[in-house]
Amino acid sequence: MPSAKAILLAILLLAIPTATLRADDPPAVGKVAGLEDRLKTGLRARQPEEFEFIRQVARLVREGQLPGKLVDSTYLWAIQRQQKYPYPLFRRALRLQADRLGVDL
């Protein structure tokens, strides 16, 4: 049985308009270069696997496989809800959204 948090997360993620979830959207110019650093700092990454996940996300945005707007909105959503250590919430939410797009994350 899913927890209340999991159900709430699913509801919130389904509320994101699908127009923002297109994998063929071009990455925002000028935002990709600092994306990895911004995610590492803002999400308070600590473990090697966390840094690797963030590198993978930045690479997928750079390659145009993952929309930069989706990563930005998920990042903002996670840091607004979890001030102390937002990385796990970001990772779960972004993986759910990437699955909806058919992107392996």
C-alpha atoms as a PDB file:
ATOM      1  CA  MET A   1       0.000   0.000   0.000  1.00  0.00           C
ATOM      2  CA  PRO A   2       1.518   3.354  -1.016  1.00  0.00           C
ATOM      3  CA  SER A   3       2.188   5.871   1.711  1.00  0.00           C
ATOM      4  CA  ALA A   4       0.352   9.172   1.910  1.00  0.00           C
ATOM      5  CA  LYS A   5       3.534  10.967   0.817  1.00  0.00           C
ATOM      6  CA  ALA A   6       3.820   8.780  -2.281  1.00  0.00           C
ATOM      7  CA  ILE A   7       0.200   9.439  -3.201  1.00  0.00           C
ATOM      8  CA  LEU A   8       0.621  13.192  -2.691  1.00  0.00           C
ATOM      9  CA  LEU A   9       3.796  13.177  -4.779  1.00  0.00           C
ATOM     10  CA  ALA A  10       2.014  11.352  -7.599  1.00  0.00           C
ATOM     11  CA  ILE A  11      -0.877  13.824  -7.504  1.00  0.00           C
ATOM     12  CA  LEU A  12       1.468  16.804  -7.584  1.00  0.00           C
ATOM     13  CA  LEU A  13       3.495  15.367 -10.430  1.00  0.00           C
ATOM     14  CA  LEU A  14       0.396  14.612 -12.464  1.00  0.00           C
ATOM     15  CA  ALA A  15      -0.624  18.249 -12.068  1.00  0.00           C
ATOM     16  CA  ILE A  16       2.348  19.400 -14.183  1.00  0.00           C
ATOM     17  CA  PRO A  17       0.993  20.169 -17.648  1.00  0.00           C
ATOM     18  CA  THR A  18       2.155  17.624 -20.206  1.00  0.00           C
ATOM     19  CA  ALA A  19       3.120  20.448 -22.570  1.00  0.00           C
ATOM     20  CA  THR A  20       6.159  21.039 -20.351  1.00  0.00           C
ATOM     21  CA  LEU A  21       7.158  17.378 -20.500  1.00  0.00           C
ATOM     22  CA  ARG A  22       8.316  17.106 -24.100  1.00  0.00           C
ATOM     23  CA  ALA A  23      11.708  15.453 -24.488  1.00  0.00           C
ATOM     24  CA  ASP A  24      12.274  17.212 -27.827  1.00  0.00           C
ATOM     25  CA  ASP A  25      12.226  20.718 -26.309  1.00  0.00           C
ATOM     26  CA  PRO A  26      15.609  22.368 -26.827  1.00  0.00           C
ATOM     27  CA  PRO A  27      17.567  23.027 -23.643  1.00  0.00           C
ATOM     28  CA  ALA A  28      17.542  26.601 -22.420  1.00  0.00           C
ATOM     29  CA  VAL A  29      20.612  28.370 -23.778  1.00  0.00           C
ATOM     30  CA  GLY A  30      23.036  29.463 -21.066  1.00  0.00           C
ATOM     31  CA  LYS A  31      21.337  27.444 -18.333  1.00  0.00           C
ATOM     32  CA  VAL A  32      22.909  24.063 -19.011  1.00  0.00           C
ATOM     33  CA  ALA A  33      26.474  25.123 -18.216  1.00  0.00           C
ATOM     34  CA  GLY A  34      25.635  25.984 -14.596  1.00  0.00           C
ATOM     35  CA  LEU A  35      22.922  23.379 -14.150  1.00  0.00           C
ATOM     36  CA  GLU A  36      25.165  20.722 -12.636  1.00  0.00           C
ATOM     37  CA  ASP A  37      26.705  23.130 -10.125  1.00  0.00           C
ATOM     38  CA  ARG A  38      23.317  24.594  -9.233  1.00  0.00           C
ATOM     39  CA  LEU A  39      21.838  21.142  -8.630  1.00  0.00           C
ATOM     40  CA  LYS A  40      24.811  19.981  -6.545  1.00  0.00           C
ATOM     41  CA  THR A  41      24.656  23.052  -4.344  1.00  0.00           C
ATOM     42  CA  GLY A  42      20.909  23.559  -4.102  1.00  0.00           C
ATOM     43  CA  LEU A  43      20.105  19.890  -3.532  1.00  0.00           C
ATOM     44  CA  ARG A  44      22.988  19.542  -1.064  1.00  0.00           C
ATOM     45  CA  ALA A  45      24.431  16.476  -2.760  1.00  0.00           C
ATOM     46  CA  ARG A  46      26.853  14.587  -0.514  1.00  0.00           C
ATOM     47  CA  GLN A  47      27.412  11.058  -1.767  1.00  0.00           C
ATOM     48  CA  PRO A  48      29.253   9.956  -4.938  1.00  0.00           C
ATOM     49  CA  GLU A  49      26.079   8.360  -6.330  1.00  0.00           C
ATOM     50  CA  GLU A  50      24.233  11.665  -5.851  1.00  0.00           C
ATOM     51  CA  PHE A  51      26.907  13.542  -7.804  1.00  0.00           C
ATOM     52  CA  GLU A  52      26.743  10.892 -10.531  1.00  0.00           C
ATOM     53  CA  PHE A  53      22.938  11.213 -10.803  1.00  0.00           C
ATOM     54  CA  ILE A  54      23.260  14.997 -11.111  1.00  0.00           C
ATOM     55  CA  ARG A  55      25.951  14.602 -13.814  1.00  0.00           C
ATOM     56  CA  GLN A  56      23.626  12.250 -15.691  1.00  0.00           C
ATOM     57  CA  VAL A  57      20.735  14.729 -15.446  1.00  0.00           C
ATOM     58  CA  ALA A  58      22.919  17.574 -16.738  1.00  0.00           C
ATOM     59  CA  ARG A  59      24.139  15.380 -19.614  1.00  0.00           C
ATOM     60  CA  LEU A  60      20.585  14.427 -20.611  1.00  0.00           C
ATOM     61  CA  VAL A  61      19.564  18.100 -20.604  1.00  0.00           C
ATOM     62  CA  ARG A  62      22.634  19.014 -22.646  1.00  0.00           C
ATOM     63  CA  GLU A  63      21.816  16.280 -25.178  1.00  0.00           C
ATOM     64  CA  GLY A  64      18.192  17.440 -25.375  1.00  0.00           C
ATOM     65  CA  GLN A  65      16.757  14.166 -24.049  1.00  0.00           C
ATOM     66  CA  LEU A  66      15.422  15.736 -20.855  1.00  0.00           C
ATOM     67  CA  PRO A  67      13.738  19.153 -20.910  1.00  0.00           C
ATOM     68  CA  GLY A  68      15.613  21.779 -18.924  1.00  0.00           C
ATOM     69  CA  LYS A  69      12.301  23.313 -17.856  1.00  0.00           C
ATOM     70  CA  LEU A  70      11.284  20.003 -16.300  1.00  0.00           C
ATOM     71  CA  VAL A  71      14.546  19.740 -14.347  1.00  0.00           C
ATOM     72  CA  ASP A  72      14.227  23.365 -13.190  1.00  0.00           C
ATOM     73  CA  SER A  73      10.617  22.988 -12.063  1.00  0.00           C
ATOM     74  CA  THR A  74      11.367  19.720 -10.245  1.00  0.00           C
ATOM     75  CA  TYR A  75      14.395  21.317  -8.581  1.00  0.00           C
ATOM     76  CA  LEU A  76      12.348  24.293  -7.369  1.00  0.00           C
ATOM     77  CA  TRP A  77       9.535  22.016  -6.226  1.00  0.00           C
ATOM     78  CA  ALA A  78      11.948  19.858  -4.196  1.00  0.00           C
ATOM     79  CA  ILE A  79      13.793  22.694  -2.485  1.00  0.00           C
ATOM     80  CA  GLN A  80      10.541  24.418  -1.535  1.00  0.00           C
ATOM     81  CA  ARG A  81       9.250  21.283   0.160  1.00  0.00           C
ATOM     82  CA  GLN A  82      12.415  19.955   1.778  1.00  0.00           C
ATOM     83  CA  GLN A  83      14.708  22.708   3.011  1.00  0.00           C
ATOM     84  CA  LYS A  84      17.211  20.565   4.891  1.00  0.00           C
ATOM     85  CA  TYR A  85      18.101  17.885   2.330  1.00  0.00           C
ATOM     86  CA  PRO A  86      16.032  18.082  -0.888  1.00  0.00           C
ATOM     87  CA  TYR A  87      18.079  15.667  -3.044  1.00  0.00           C
ATOM     88  CA  PRO A  88      16.038  12.460  -2.375  1.00  0.00           C
ATOM     89  CA  LEU A  89      12.753  14.211  -3.137  1.00  0.00           C
ATOM     90  CA  PHE A  90      14.217  15.686  -6.340  1.00  0.00           C
ATOM     91  CA  ARG A  91      15.560  12.296  -7.460  1.00  0.00           C
ATOM     92  CA  ARG A  92      12.245  10.490  -6.910  1.00  0.00           C
ATOM     93  CA  ALA A  93      10.178  13.192  -8.588  1.00  0.00           C
ATOM     94  CA  LEU A  94      12.507  13.564 -11.577  1.00  0.00           C
ATOM     95  CA  ARG A  95      12.642   9.801 -12.122  1.00  0.00           C
ATOM     96  CA  LEU A  96       8.849   9.656 -12.194  1.00  0.00           C
ATOM     97  CA  GLN A  97       8.712  12.493 -14.720  1.00  0.00           C
ATOM     98  CA  ALA A  98      11.491  10.980 -16.846  1.00  0.00           C
ATOM     99  CA  ASP A  99       9.611   7.669 -16.914  1.00  0.00           C
ATOM    100  CA  ARG A 100       6.562   9.506 -18.258  1.00  0.00           C
ATOM    101  CA  LEU A 101       8.759  10.802 -21.078  1.00  0.00           C
ATOM    102  CA  GLY A 102      10.376   7.439 -21.735  1.00  0.00           C
ATOM    103  CA  VAL A 103      13.800   8.685 -20.626  1.00  0.00           C
ATOM    104  CA  ASP A 104      15.945   6.215 -18.705  1.00  0.00           C
ATOM    105  CA  LEU A 105      17.245   7.971 -15.625  1.00  0.00           C
END
